[in-house]
Amino acid sequence: MTPKIFGDRLAELYDERGISTHFKHRLIAVDPAAKKAVFQLLDEPTQAQLPITETTEQLTVDYDFLHVTPPMATPDFVRNSAFAITEGDLRHSGWAKVNQETLISPDYPNVVILGDTAGLGTSKTGAAIRMQAPIAASNLVSVMEGKEPEEIYNGYSACPIVTEYGKVLMCEFGYDKKLLPTIPFIDPGVERGMWWVLKAHGLKPMYYHGMLKGLI
């Protein structure tokens, strides 16, 4: 987890609770009857984008409970379109190419791109889209009026991580792993009860009655 202040705190919690972490493992098969999971061992995280081969080193692990997050990718209509990134780092391949600040397509200046399919250098969260939407709308209006887009997106994203019942580590950051805390005078690397209250009771009404209606 980046920025480092959040990753360090999570690592401390893992150590305190005896939780082992194993990185550079890609889940490639599950046998639910035998309760076994098969992982491909990677040299680098970017190899997770490469095809699985029989020569790849694998590890079979017994499990009692398995919780899986599938690989993230854009829909085919984006990946196979003229908007898709096709060069550079494999991790960005298939996402829609976009100016990181103005959210304008560099190839099609009358198109704005935001949200989960945008090839932006930040995490894809509801908090990120909430910040992107008014910037994208304002810059689209500017383009339609023949003006230069002036609103700038700083890469803000947020990941409220529940660390225990009643506490949340609120990870807020922007481009280049810059800390962007909503409340700047408190230590962002400490989990707090007030963030739990926000996540448990505030985010749902904020989402349905504010964000989806364009009010916040």
N, C-alpha and C. Protein backbone atom coordinates (compact mmCIF):
# COMPACT_ATOMS: atom_id res chain seq x y z
N MET A 1 0.84 -1.20 0.00
CA MET A 1 0.00 0.00 0.00
C MET A 1 0.87 1.24 0.00
N THR A 2 0.61 2.14 -0.90
CA THR A 2 1.33 3.40 -0.94
C THR A 2 0.32 4.54 -0.76
N PRO A 3 0.76 5.69 -0.23
CA PRO A 3 2.09 6.05 0.21
C PRO A 3 2.60 5.18 1.38
N LYS A 4 3.90 5.28 1.61
CA LYS A 4 4.60 4.41 2.55
C LYS A 4 4.01 4.48 3.96
N ILE A 5 3.52 5.64 4.38
CA ILE A 5 3.00 5.78 5.73
C ILE A 5 1.85 4.81 5.99
N PHE A 6 1.05 4.53 4.98
CA PHE A 6 -0.07 3.60 5.12
C PHE A 6 0.42 2.16 5.06
N GLY A 7 1.33 1.88 4.14
CA GLY A 7 1.89 0.53 4.04
C GLY A 7 2.63 0.13 5.30
N ASP A 8 3.35 1.08 5.90
CA ASP A 8 4.08 0.79 7.13
C ASP A 8 3.11 0.45 8.27
N ARG A 9 2.02 1.19 8.37
CA ARG A 9 1.06 0.92 9.45
C ARG A 9 0.39 -0.43 9.25
N LEU A 10 0.04 -0.77 8.02
CA LEU A 10 -0.57 -2.07 7.76
C LEU A 10 0.41 -3.19 8.06
N ALA A 11 1.69 -3.00 7.72
CA ALA A 11 2.69 -4.01 8.02
C ALA A 11 2.81 -4.22 9.54
N GLU A 12 2.73 -3.14 10.30
CA GLU A 12 2.76 -3.24 11.77
C GLU A 12 1.58 -4.07 12.28
N LEU A 13 0.40 -3.83 11.70
CA LEU A 13 -0.79 -4.57 12.12
C LEU A 13 -0.67 -6.05 11.78
N TYR A 14 -0.10 -6.36 10.61
CA TYR A 14 0.11 -7.76 10.23
C TYR A 14 1.02 -8.44 11.24
N ASP A 15 2.11 -7.76 11.61
CA ASP A 15 3.05 -8.34 12.57
C ASP A 15 2.40 -8.53 13.94
N GLU A 16 1.63 -7.53 14.38
CA GLU A 16 0.97 -7.62 15.68
C GLU A 16 -0.01 -8.78 15.75
N ARG A 17 -0.64 -9.09 14.63
CA ARG A 17 -1.70 -10.10 14.61
C ARG A 17 -1.26 -11.42 14.00
N GLY A 18 0.03 -11.54 13.69
CA GLY A 18 0.55 -12.79 13.16
C GLY A 18 0.04 -13.14 11.78
N ILE A 19 -0.19 -12.13 10.96
CA ILE A 19 -0.67 -12.34 9.59
C ILE A 19 0.52 -12.36 8.63
N SER A 20 0.67 -13.46 7.91
CA SER A 20 1.76 -13.57 6.93
C SER A 20 1.33 -12.98 5.59
N THR A 21 2.24 -12.28 4.94
CA THR A 21 1.96 -11.72 3.61
C THR A 21 2.92 -12.33 2.60
N HIS A 22 2.40 -12.63 1.43
CA HIS A 22 3.20 -13.23 0.36
C HIS A 22 2.88 -12.48 -0.93
N PHE A 23 3.82 -11.73 -1.43
CA PHE A 23 3.62 -10.94 -2.63
C PHE A 23 4.15 -11.68 -3.87
N LYS A 24 3.82 -11.15 -5.02
CA LYS A 24 4.26 -11.72 -6.30
C LYS A 24 3.75 -13.16 -6.49
N HIS A 25 2.52 -13.42 -6.01
CA HIS A 25 1.84 -14.68 -6.23
C HIS A 25 0.58 -14.40 -7.03
N ARG A 26 0.41 -15.09 -8.14
CA ARG A 26 -0.81 -14.91 -8.94
C ARG A 26 -1.66 -16.18 -8.87
N LEU A 27 -2.88 -16.03 -8.40
CA LEU A 27 -3.79 -17.17 -8.32
C LEU A 27 -4.18 -17.60 -9.73
N ILE A 28 -3.97 -18.91 -10.03
CA ILE A 28 -4.26 -19.38 -11.39
C ILE A 28 -5.26 -20.53 -11.40
N ALA A 29 -5.49 -21.17 -10.24
CA ALA A 29 -6.45 -22.28 -10.21
C ALA A 29 -6.92 -22.50 -8.78
N VAL A 30 -8.17 -22.97 -8.66
CA VAL A 30 -8.75 -23.30 -7.36
C VAL A 30 -9.46 -24.64 -7.45
N ASP A 31 -9.19 -25.51 -6.49
CA ASP A 31 -9.89 -26.80 -6.38
C ASP A 31 -10.75 -26.73 -5.11
N PRO A 32 -12.01 -26.31 -5.23
CA PRO A 32 -12.84 -26.13 -4.04
C PRO A 32 -13.14 -27.43 -3.30
N ALA A 33 -13.20 -28.55 -4.03
CA ALA A 33 -13.48 -29.83 -3.37
C ALA A 33 -12.34 -30.23 -2.43
N ALA A 34 -11.11 -30.03 -2.90
CA ALA A 34 -9.94 -30.37 -2.09
C ALA A 34 -9.47 -29.21 -1.24
N LYS A 35 -10.07 -28.04 -1.42
CA LYS A 35 -9.67 -26.81 -0.74
C LYS A 35 -8.18 -26.52 -0.95
N LYS A 36 -7.83 -26.44 -2.23
CA LYS A 36 -6.46 -26.11 -2.61
C LYS A 36 -6.46 -24.98 -3.62
N ALA A 37 -5.51 -24.06 -3.46
CA ALA A 37 -5.34 -22.94 -4.39
C ALA A 37 -3.94 -23.02 -5.00
N VAL A 38 -3.86 -22.77 -6.31
CA VAL A 38 -2.59 -22.85 -7.02
C VAL A 38 -2.16 -21.45 -7.43
N PHE A 39 -0.93 -21.11 -7.08
CA PHE A 39 -0.39 -19.79 -7.39
C PHE A 39 0.79 -19.91 -8.34
N GLN A 40 0.91 -18.95 -9.22
CA GLN A 40 2.09 -18.78 -10.08
C GLN A 40 3.03 -17.83 -9.37
N LEU A 41 4.29 -18.19 -9.23
CA LEU A 41 5.27 -17.36 -8.56
C LEU A 41 5.91 -16.41 -9.57
N LEU A 42 5.86 -15.12 -9.28
CA LEU A 42 6.33 -14.09 -10.21
C LEU A 42 7.67 -13.52 -9.76
N ASP A 43 8.49 -13.14 -10.72
CA ASP A 43 9.72 -12.41 -10.41
C ASP A 43 9.42 -10.93 -10.20
N GLU A 44 8.48 -10.41 -10.97
CA GLU A 44 8.08 -9.02 -10.89
C GLU A 44 6.56 -8.92 -10.97
N PRO A 45 5.96 -7.92 -10.32
CA PRO A 45 4.50 -7.79 -10.37
C PRO A 45 3.96 -7.64 -11.78
N THR A 46 4.74 -7.03 -12.68
CA THR A 46 4.25 -6.81 -14.05
C THR A 46 4.04 -8.12 -14.80
N GLN A 47 4.65 -9.23 -14.31
CA GLN A 47 4.47 -10.51 -14.99
C GLN A 47 3.04 -11.03 -14.85
N ALA A 48 2.29 -10.46 -13.94
CA ALA A 48 0.89 -10.87 -13.77
C ALA A 48 0.08 -10.59 -15.03
N GLN A 49 0.60 -9.74 -15.92
CA GLN A 49 -0.10 -9.43 -17.16
C GLN A 49 0.25 -10.40 -18.29
N LEU A 50 1.23 -11.28 -18.05
CA LEU A 50 1.70 -12.18 -19.10
C LEU A 50 0.94 -13.49 -19.08
N PRO A 51 0.91 -14.21 -20.22
CA PRO A 51 0.20 -15.50 -20.26
C PRO A 51 0.83 -16.52 -19.31
N ILE A 52 0.00 -17.43 -18.81
CA ILE A 52 0.48 -18.51 -17.94
C ILE A 52 1.07 -19.61 -18.81
N THR A 53 2.26 -20.08 -18.44
CA THR A 53 2.92 -21.16 -19.19
C THR A 53 3.18 -22.35 -18.27
N GLU A 54 3.38 -23.53 -18.86
CA GLU A 54 3.62 -24.73 -18.07
C GLU A 54 4.96 -24.70 -17.36
N THR A 55 5.88 -23.89 -17.85
CA THR A 55 7.21 -23.84 -17.24
C THR A 55 7.28 -22.89 -16.05
N THR A 56 6.21 -22.14 -15.81
CA THR A 56 6.21 -21.19 -14.71
C THR A 56 6.17 -21.92 -13.37
N GLU A 57 7.00 -21.50 -12.42
CA GLU A 57 7.01 -22.12 -11.10
C GLU A 57 5.68 -21.88 -10.40
N GLN A 58 5.13 -22.94 -9.80
CA GLN A 58 3.83 -22.85 -9.16
C GLN A 58 3.89 -23.34 -7.72
N LEU A 59 2.92 -22.91 -6.92
CA LEU A 59 2.83 -23.30 -5.52
C LEU A 59 1.38 -23.63 -5.20
N THR A 60 1.16 -24.81 -4.62
CA THR A 60 -0.19 -25.22 -4.23
C THR A 60 -0.34 -25.04 -2.71
N VAL A 61 -1.41 -24.38 -2.30
CA VAL A 61 -1.63 -24.03 -0.91
C VAL A 61 -2.98 -24.55 -0.45
N ASP A 62 -3.01 -25.19 0.73
CA ASP A 62 -4.28 -25.59 1.34
C ASP A 62 -4.95 -24.35 1.96
N TYR A 63 -6.28 -24.31 1.91
CA TYR A 63 -6.97 -23.17 2.52
C TYR A 63 -8.22 -23.63 3.25
N ASP A 64 -8.62 -22.83 4.25
CA ASP A 64 -9.90 -23.02 4.94
C ASP A 64 -10.94 -22.05 4.40
N PHE A 65 -10.50 -20.81 4.15
CA PHE A 65 -11.37 -19.77 3.61
C PHE A 65 -10.58 -19.01 2.56
N LEU A 66 -11.19 -18.79 1.41
CA LEU A 66 -10.50 -18.12 0.31
C LEU A 66 -11.30 -16.91 -0.14
N HIS A 67 -10.68 -15.73 -0.09
CA HIS A 67 -11.31 -14.50 -0.56
C HIS A 67 -10.46 -13.96 -1.69
N VAL A 68 -11.05 -13.81 -2.86
CA VAL A 68 -10.29 -13.48 -4.06
C VAL A 68 -10.77 -12.17 -4.68
N THR A 69 -9.83 -11.32 -5.05
CA THR A 69 -10.12 -10.14 -5.86
C THR A 69 -9.64 -10.43 -7.28
N PRO A 70 -10.52 -10.44 -8.25
CA PRO A 70 -10.10 -10.79 -9.62
C PRO A 70 -9.24 -9.69 -10.23
N PRO A 71 -8.45 -10.03 -11.24
CA PRO A 71 -7.66 -9.01 -11.94
C PRO A 71 -8.56 -7.94 -12.54
N MET A 72 -8.10 -6.71 -12.48
CA MET A 72 -8.87 -5.59 -13.02
C MET A 72 -8.49 -5.35 -14.49
N ALA A 73 -9.47 -5.05 -15.30
CA ALA A 73 -9.23 -4.77 -16.72
C ALA A 73 -10.39 -3.95 -17.26
N THR A 74 -10.15 -3.29 -18.38
CA THR A 74 -11.20 -2.53 -19.03
C THR A 74 -12.08 -3.46 -19.87
N PRO A 75 -13.31 -3.05 -20.16
CA PRO A 75 -14.16 -3.84 -21.07
C PRO A 75 -13.52 -3.89 -22.46
N ASP A 76 -13.88 -4.91 -23.21
CA ASP A 76 -13.30 -5.09 -24.55
C ASP A 76 -13.56 -3.88 -25.45
N PHE A 77 -14.72 -3.21 -25.28
CA PHE A 77 -15.02 -2.09 -26.18
C PHE A 77 -14.09 -0.90 -25.93
N VAL A 78 -13.45 -0.87 -24.75
CA VAL A 78 -12.42 0.14 -24.48
C VAL A 78 -11.05 -0.40 -24.90
N ARG A 79 -10.74 -1.60 -24.46
CA ARG A 79 -9.42 -2.21 -24.73
C ARG A 79 -9.14 -2.31 -26.22
N ASN A 80 -10.17 -2.55 -27.02
CA ASN A 80 -10.00 -2.73 -28.46
C ASN A 80 -10.32 -1.47 -29.26
N SER A 81 -10.41 -0.34 -28.58
CA SER A 81 -10.76 0.90 -29.26
C SER A 81 -9.52 1.76 -29.53
N ALA A 82 -9.75 2.85 -30.24
CA ALA A 82 -8.64 3.78 -30.53
C ALA A 82 -8.22 4.57 -29.31
N PHE A 83 -8.99 4.50 -28.23
CA PHE A 83 -8.66 5.22 -27.01
C PHE A 83 -7.65 4.49 -26.14
N ALA A 84 -7.46 3.20 -26.37
CA ALA A 84 -6.68 2.37 -25.46
C ALA A 84 -5.18 2.64 -25.55
N ILE A 85 -4.53 2.54 -24.38
CA ILE A 85 -3.06 2.60 -24.32
C ILE A 85 -2.51 1.28 -24.83
N THR A 86 -1.62 1.35 -25.80
CA THR A 86 -1.06 0.13 -26.39
C THR A 86 0.45 0.03 -26.25
N GLU A 87 1.08 1.09 -25.71
CA GLU A 87 2.53 1.08 -25.61
C GLU A 87 2.94 1.34 -24.16
N GLY A 88 4.20 1.05 -23.85
CA GLY A 88 4.71 1.35 -22.51
C GLY A 88 4.49 0.20 -21.54
N ASP A 89 4.41 0.52 -20.26
CA ASP A 89 4.28 -0.42 -19.17
C ASP A 89 3.04 -1.32 -19.38
N LEU A 90 3.22 -2.64 -19.23
CA LEU A 90 2.12 -3.57 -19.42
C LEU A 90 0.95 -3.31 -18.47
N ARG A 91 1.25 -2.76 -17.29
CA ARG A 91 0.20 -2.53 -16.31
C ARG A 91 -0.81 -1.49 -16.79
N HIS A 92 -0.41 -0.64 -17.74
CA HIS A 92 -1.31 0.41 -18.23
C HIS A 92 -1.98 0.03 -19.55
N SER A 93 -1.60 -1.12 -20.12
CA SER A 93 -2.13 -1.52 -21.41
C SER A 93 -3.64 -1.77 -21.34
N GLY A 94 -4.35 -1.20 -22.29
CA GLY A 94 -5.79 -1.41 -22.37
C GLY A 94 -6.62 -0.34 -21.71
N TRP A 95 -6.01 0.46 -20.84
CA TRP A 95 -6.76 1.55 -20.21
C TRP A 95 -6.85 2.71 -21.20
N ALA A 96 -7.79 3.58 -21.00
CA ALA A 96 -7.99 4.70 -21.93
C ALA A 96 -6.94 5.79 -21.69
N LYS A 97 -6.29 6.19 -22.76
CA LYS A 97 -5.25 7.22 -22.67
C LYS A 97 -5.89 8.57 -22.37
N VAL A 98 -5.32 9.30 -21.40
CA VAL A 98 -5.94 10.55 -20.97
C VAL A 98 -4.89 11.47 -20.36
N ASN A 99 -5.09 12.77 -20.52
CA ASN A 99 -4.23 13.73 -19.84
C ASN A 99 -4.48 13.62 -18.34
N GLN A 100 -3.40 13.42 -17.57
CA GLN A 100 -3.53 13.15 -16.15
C GLN A 100 -4.12 14.32 -15.36
N GLU A 101 -4.03 15.51 -15.88
CA GLU A 101 -4.51 16.68 -15.15
C GLU A 101 -5.86 17.19 -15.65
N THR A 102 -6.01 17.33 -16.96
CA THR A 102 -7.25 17.91 -17.49
C THR A 102 -8.34 16.88 -17.76
N LEU A 103 -7.97 15.57 -17.81
CA LEU A 103 -8.90 14.48 -18.10
C LEU A 103 -9.43 14.55 -19.54
N ILE A 104 -8.67 15.22 -20.40
CA ILE A 104 -9.00 15.31 -21.83
C ILE A 104 -8.19 14.27 -22.59
N SER A 105 -8.80 13.61 -23.57
CA SER A 105 -8.07 12.66 -24.40
C SER A 105 -7.00 13.40 -25.20
N PRO A 106 -5.74 12.93 -25.19
CA PRO A 106 -4.69 13.60 -25.96
C PRO A 106 -4.86 13.43 -27.47
N ASP A 107 -5.59 12.41 -27.88
CA ASP A 107 -5.77 12.14 -29.31
C ASP A 107 -7.09 12.70 -29.85
N TYR A 108 -8.06 12.85 -28.96
CA TYR A 108 -9.38 13.34 -29.35
C TYR A 108 -9.77 14.46 -28.39
N PRO A 109 -9.38 15.69 -28.67
CA PRO A 109 -9.54 16.80 -27.71
C PRO A 109 -10.97 17.19 -27.40
N ASN A 110 -11.95 16.58 -28.05
CA ASN A 110 -13.35 16.86 -27.71
C ASN A 110 -13.93 15.75 -26.83
N VAL A 111 -13.06 14.91 -26.27
CA VAL A 111 -13.50 13.79 -25.43
C VAL A 111 -12.87 13.90 -24.06
N VAL A 112 -13.68 13.77 -23.01
CA VAL A 112 -13.17 13.69 -21.64
C VAL A 112 -13.26 12.24 -21.17
N ILE A 113 -12.31 11.85 -20.36
CA ILE A 113 -12.23 10.46 -19.89
C ILE A 113 -12.02 10.47 -18.38
N LEU A 114 -12.83 9.72 -17.67
CA LEU A 114 -12.69 9.65 -16.22
C LEU A 114 -13.22 8.31 -15.74
N GLY A 115 -12.98 8.02 -14.48
CA GLY A 115 -13.53 6.80 -13.89
C GLY A 115 -12.63 5.59 -14.03
N ASP A 116 -13.25 4.40 -13.92
CA ASP A 116 -12.51 3.16 -13.80
C ASP A 116 -11.75 2.75 -15.06
N THR A 117 -12.15 3.22 -16.23
CA THR A 117 -11.44 2.83 -17.45
C THR A 117 -10.34 3.81 -17.82
N ALA A 118 -10.24 4.92 -17.10
CA ALA A 118 -9.24 5.94 -17.43
C ALA A 118 -7.84 5.50 -16.98
N GLY A 119 -6.86 5.69 -17.84
CA GLY A 119 -5.49 5.32 -17.52
C GLY A 119 -4.80 6.37 -16.69
N LEU A 120 -5.34 6.62 -15.51
CA LEU A 120 -4.81 7.64 -14.61
C LEU A 120 -3.88 6.99 -13.58
N GLY A 121 -2.84 7.71 -13.19
CA GLY A 121 -1.85 7.16 -12.26
C GLY A 121 -2.27 7.25 -10.82
N THR A 122 -3.48 6.78 -10.52
CA THR A 122 -3.97 6.78 -9.15
C THR A 122 -4.96 5.64 -8.99
N SER A 123 -5.35 5.34 -7.76
CA SER A 123 -6.28 4.23 -7.51
C SER A 123 -7.68 4.57 -8.01
N LYS A 124 -8.39 3.54 -8.44
CA LYS A 124 -9.72 3.71 -9.00
C LYS A 124 -10.75 3.52 -7.88
N THR A 125 -11.18 4.61 -7.30
CA THR A 125 -12.12 4.57 -6.18
C THR A 125 -13.27 5.54 -6.42
N GLY A 126 -14.34 5.38 -5.65
CA GLY A 126 -15.44 6.33 -5.72
C GLY A 126 -15.00 7.73 -5.34
N ALA A 127 -14.07 7.81 -4.37
CA ALA A 127 -13.55 9.11 -3.96
C ALA A 127 -12.83 9.80 -5.11
N ALA A 128 -12.10 9.02 -5.92
CA ALA A 128 -11.39 9.59 -7.06
C ALA A 128 -12.38 10.14 -8.10
N ILE A 129 -13.41 9.35 -8.39
CA ILE A 129 -14.40 9.79 -9.38
C ILE A 129 -15.14 11.03 -8.90
N ARG A 130 -15.38 11.10 -7.59
CA ARG A 130 -16.08 12.27 -7.05
C ARG A 130 -15.30 13.55 -7.31
N MET A 131 -13.96 13.45 -7.29
CA MET A 131 -13.12 14.61 -7.58
C MET A 131 -12.96 14.84 -9.08
N GLN A 132 -12.97 13.75 -9.84
CA GLN A 132 -12.77 13.86 -11.29
C GLN A 132 -13.99 14.46 -12.00
N ALA A 133 -15.19 14.10 -11.54
CA ALA A 133 -16.41 14.46 -12.27
C ALA A 133 -16.57 15.96 -12.49
N PRO A 134 -16.47 16.81 -11.45
CA PRO A 134 -16.65 18.24 -11.71
C PRO A 134 -15.54 18.84 -12.57
N ILE A 135 -14.33 18.28 -12.47
CA ILE A 135 -13.22 18.76 -13.29
C ILE A 135 -13.47 18.39 -14.75
N ALA A 136 -13.89 17.15 -14.98
CA ALA A 136 -14.18 16.71 -16.34
C ALA A 136 -15.32 17.53 -16.94
N ALA A 137 -16.37 17.79 -16.15
CA ALA A 137 -17.52 18.55 -16.66
C ALA A 137 -17.11 19.98 -17.01
N SER A 138 -16.35 20.61 -16.13
CA SER A 138 -15.93 21.99 -16.37
C SER A 138 -15.04 22.09 -17.60
N ASN A 139 -14.10 21.15 -17.73
CA ASN A 139 -13.19 21.20 -18.88
C ASN A 139 -13.90 20.85 -20.18
N LEU A 140 -14.91 19.99 -20.12
CA LEU A 140 -15.69 19.69 -21.31
C LEU A 140 -16.44 20.92 -21.79
N VAL A 141 -17.02 21.67 -20.86
CA VAL A 141 -17.70 22.91 -21.21
C VAL A 141 -16.72 23.89 -21.86
N SER A 142 -15.52 23.99 -21.29
CA SER A 142 -14.51 24.88 -21.86
C SER A 142 -14.17 24.50 -23.29
N VAL A 143 -13.99 23.20 -23.53
CA VAL A 143 -13.68 22.72 -24.88
C VAL A 143 -14.82 23.03 -25.83
N MET A 144 -16.05 22.83 -25.38
CA MET A 144 -17.22 23.09 -26.23
C MET A 144 -17.35 24.57 -26.57
N GLU A 145 -16.83 25.42 -25.67
CA GLU A 145 -16.87 26.88 -25.91
C GLU A 145 -15.62 27.38 -26.63
N GLY A 146 -14.75 26.45 -27.04
CA GLY A 146 -13.55 26.83 -27.77
C GLY A 146 -12.44 27.37 -26.90
N LYS A 147 -12.49 27.10 -25.61
CA LYS A 147 -11.49 27.59 -24.67
C LYS A 147 -10.56 26.45 -24.26
N GLU A 148 -9.44 26.80 -23.63
CA GLU A 148 -8.52 25.81 -23.11
C GLU A 148 -9.04 25.30 -21.76
N PRO A 149 -8.95 23.99 -21.52
CA PRO A 149 -9.38 23.46 -20.21
C PRO A 149 -8.45 23.97 -19.11
N GLU A 150 -9.01 24.44 -18.02
CA GLU A 150 -8.21 25.05 -16.96
C GLU A 150 -8.24 24.29 -15.65
N GLU A 151 -9.28 23.48 -15.43
CA GLU A 151 -9.38 22.76 -14.15
C GLU A 151 -8.38 21.60 -14.12
N ILE A 152 -7.75 21.39 -12.95
CA ILE A 152 -6.69 20.41 -12.82
C ILE A 152 -7.06 19.36 -11.77
N TYR A 153 -6.88 18.09 -12.13
CA TYR A 153 -7.08 16.98 -11.21
C TYR A 153 -5.72 16.59 -10.63
N ASN A 154 -5.63 16.53 -9.30
CA ASN A 154 -4.35 16.26 -8.64
C ASN A 154 -4.14 14.78 -8.32
N GLY A 155 -5.02 13.92 -8.83
CA GLY A 155 -4.87 12.49 -8.60
C GLY A 155 -5.49 12.00 -7.30
N TYR A 156 -6.29 12.85 -6.64
CA TYR A 156 -6.85 12.46 -5.35
C TYR A 156 -7.62 11.15 -5.42
N SER A 157 -7.33 10.29 -4.46
CA SER A 157 -8.07 9.06 -4.28
C SER A 157 -8.07 8.74 -2.80
N ALA A 158 -8.98 7.88 -2.37
CA ALA A 158 -9.04 7.53 -0.96
C ALA A 158 -9.44 6.07 -0.80
N CYS A 159 -8.79 5.41 0.15
CA CYS A 159 -9.10 4.02 0.47
C CYS A 159 -9.32 3.90 1.97
N PRO A 160 -10.56 3.87 2.43
CA PRO A 160 -10.81 3.68 3.86
C PRO A 160 -10.68 2.21 4.23
N ILE A 161 -9.60 1.85 4.92
CA ILE A 161 -9.30 0.46 5.24
C ILE A 161 -9.72 0.15 6.67
N VAL A 162 -10.65 -0.78 6.83
CA VAL A 162 -11.09 -1.19 8.17
C VAL A 162 -10.00 -2.04 8.79
N THR A 163 -9.46 -1.60 9.92
CA THR A 163 -8.38 -2.34 10.60
C THR A 163 -8.90 -3.15 11.78
N GLU A 164 -10.05 -2.79 12.31
CA GLU A 164 -10.73 -3.55 13.36
C GLU A 164 -12.12 -2.95 13.50
N TYR A 165 -12.99 -3.62 14.27
CA TYR A 165 -14.33 -3.10 14.45
C TYR A 165 -14.23 -1.75 15.16
N GLY A 166 -14.73 -0.71 14.50
CA GLY A 166 -14.73 0.62 15.11
C GLY A 166 -13.59 1.51 14.70
N LYS A 167 -12.68 1.01 13.84
CA LYS A 167 -11.55 1.85 13.43
C LYS A 167 -11.26 1.68 11.94
N VAL A 168 -10.90 2.78 11.31
CA VAL A 168 -10.57 2.79 9.88
C VAL A 168 -9.30 3.60 9.67
N LEU A 169 -8.41 3.08 8.83
CA LEU A 169 -7.23 3.81 8.38
C LEU A 169 -7.62 4.52 7.08
N MET A 170 -7.72 5.84 7.12
CA MET A 170 -8.17 6.60 5.96
C MET A 170 -6.97 6.99 5.10
N CYS A 171 -6.79 6.28 4.00
CA CYS A 171 -5.65 6.51 3.11
C CYS A 171 -6.09 7.48 2.00
N GLU A 172 -5.61 8.69 2.07
CA GLU A 172 -5.93 9.72 1.07
C GLU A 172 -4.64 10.18 0.42
N PHE A 173 -4.60 10.15 -0.89
CA PHE A 173 -3.35 10.44 -1.59
C PHE A 173 -3.64 10.88 -3.02
N GLY A 174 -2.60 11.42 -3.67
CA GLY A 174 -2.73 11.86 -5.06
C GLY A 174 -1.60 11.32 -5.89
N TYR A 175 -1.33 12.00 -6.99
CA TYR A 175 -0.24 11.59 -7.87
C TYR A 175 1.10 11.61 -7.12
N ASP A 176 2.01 10.76 -7.60
CA ASP A 176 3.36 10.68 -7.03
C ASP A 176 3.33 10.37 -5.54
N LYS A 177 2.29 9.63 -5.10
CA LYS A 177 2.17 9.18 -3.71
C LYS A 177 2.11 10.34 -2.72
N LYS A 178 1.62 11.47 -3.17
CA LYS A 178 1.53 12.64 -2.30
C LYS A 178 0.35 12.49 -1.35
N LEU A 179 0.58 12.76 -0.06
CA LEU A 179 -0.49 12.71 0.92
C LEU A 179 -1.44 13.88 0.71
N LEU A 180 -2.75 13.58 0.68
CA LEU A 180 -3.76 14.62 0.51
C LEU A 180 -4.86 14.44 1.55
N PRO A 181 -4.53 14.58 2.84
CA PRO A 181 -5.53 14.35 3.88
C PRO A 181 -6.60 15.43 3.90
N THR A 182 -7.85 15.01 4.11
CA THR A 182 -8.95 15.97 4.23
C THR A 182 -8.77 16.85 5.46
N ILE A 183 -8.26 16.25 6.54
CA ILE A 183 -7.98 17.00 7.76
C ILE A 183 -6.46 16.99 7.95
N PRO A 184 -5.77 18.04 7.54
CA PRO A 184 -4.31 18.02 7.46
C PRO A 184 -3.57 18.04 8.80
N PHE A 185 -4.25 18.41 9.89
CA PHE A 185 -3.52 18.57 11.16
C PHE A 185 -3.56 17.31 12.04
N ILE A 186 -4.09 16.18 11.53
CA ILE A 186 -4.02 14.93 12.28
C ILE A 186 -3.13 13.94 11.54
N ASP A 187 -2.56 13.00 12.26
CA ASP A 187 -1.65 12.02 11.68
C ASP A 187 -2.43 11.08 10.77
N PRO A 188 -2.14 11.08 9.46
CA PRO A 188 -2.91 10.22 8.55
C PRO A 188 -2.56 8.74 8.68
N GLY A 189 -1.46 8.44 9.36
CA GLY A 189 -1.03 7.05 9.49
C GLY A 189 -1.60 6.35 10.70
N VAL A 190 -2.64 6.93 11.31
CA VAL A 190 -3.27 6.34 12.49
C VAL A 190 -4.74 6.07 12.19
N GLU A 191 -5.19 4.85 12.48
CA GLU A 191 -6.61 4.53 12.27
C GLU A 191 -7.44 5.17 13.38
N ARG A 192 -8.66 5.60 13.02
CA ARG A 192 -9.47 6.37 13.95
C ARG A 192 -10.95 5.96 13.89
N GLY A 193 -11.61 6.20 15.03
CA GLY A 193 -13.03 5.89 15.11
C GLY A 193 -13.89 6.79 14.26
N MET A 194 -13.48 8.05 14.08
CA MET A 194 -14.32 8.97 13.30
C MET A 194 -14.40 8.53 11.84
N TRP A 195 -13.32 7.91 11.35
CA TRP A 195 -13.37 7.43 9.96
C TRP A 195 -14.27 6.20 9.87
N TRP A 196 -14.35 5.43 10.95
CA TRP A 196 -15.29 4.30 10.98
C TRP A 196 -16.73 4.82 10.87
N VAL A 197 -17.04 5.86 11.62
CA VAL A 197 -18.39 6.44 11.59
C VAL A 197 -18.72 6.90 10.17
N LEU A 198 -17.74 7.55 9.52
CA LEU A 198 -17.96 8.00 8.15
C LEU A 198 -18.22 6.83 7.21
N LYS A 199 -17.40 5.79 7.32
CA LYS A 199 -17.55 4.64 6.42
C LYS A 199 -18.83 3.87 6.70
N ALA A 200 -19.13 3.66 7.99
CA ALA A 200 -20.28 2.84 8.35
C ALA A 200 -21.62 3.56 8.15
N HIS A 201 -21.62 4.87 8.35
CA HIS A 201 -22.90 5.59 8.35
C HIS A 201 -22.99 6.75 7.35
N GLY A 202 -21.83 7.24 6.89
CA GLY A 202 -21.85 8.42 6.04
C GLY A 202 -21.71 8.17 4.55
N LEU A 203 -20.92 7.16 4.17
CA LEU A 203 -20.61 6.98 2.75
C LEU A 203 -21.81 6.55 1.92
N LYS A 204 -22.68 5.71 2.47
CA LYS A 204 -23.83 5.25 1.69
C LYS A 204 -24.77 6.40 1.32
N PRO A 205 -25.23 7.20 2.29
CA PRO A 205 -26.08 8.34 1.89
C PRO A 205 -25.33 9.35 1.03
N MET A 206 -24.01 9.53 1.30
CA MET A 206 -23.22 10.44 0.47
C MET A 206 -23.21 9.97 -0.98
N TYR A 207 -23.10 8.65 -1.15
CA TYR A 207 -23.04 8.08 -2.51
C TYR A 207 -24.38 8.20 -3.22
N TYR A 208 -25.45 7.72 -2.56
CA TYR A 208 -26.75 7.64 -3.24
C TYR A 208 -27.44 8.99 -3.36
N HIS A 209 -27.31 9.82 -2.34
CA HIS A 209 -28.07 11.08 -2.33
C HIS A 209 -27.22 12.30 -2.72
N GLY A 210 -25.91 12.12 -2.78
CA GLY A 210 -25.04 13.23 -3.14
C GLY A 210 -24.32 13.02 -4.45
N MET A 211 -23.46 11.98 -4.49
CA MET A 211 -22.63 11.75 -5.68
C MET A 211 -23.45 11.43 -6.92
N LEU A 212 -24.38 10.47 -6.80
CA LEU A 212 -25.15 10.05 -7.97
C LEU A 212 -26.06 11.15 -8.49
N LYS A 213 -26.40 12.11 -7.63
CA LYS A 213 -27.25 13.22 -8.05
C LYS A 213 -26.43 14.45 -8.43
N GLY A 214 -25.09 14.31 -8.38
CA GLY A 214 -24.23 15.42 -8.78
C GLY A 214 -24.21 16.57 -7.81
N LEU A 215 -24.56 16.31 -6.54
CA LEU A 215 -24.62 17.38 -5.55
C LEU A 215 -23.28 17.57 -4.82
N ILE A 216 -22.49 16.49 -4.71
CA ILE A 216 -21.19 16.56 -4.05
C ILE A 216 -20.16 15.78 -4.85
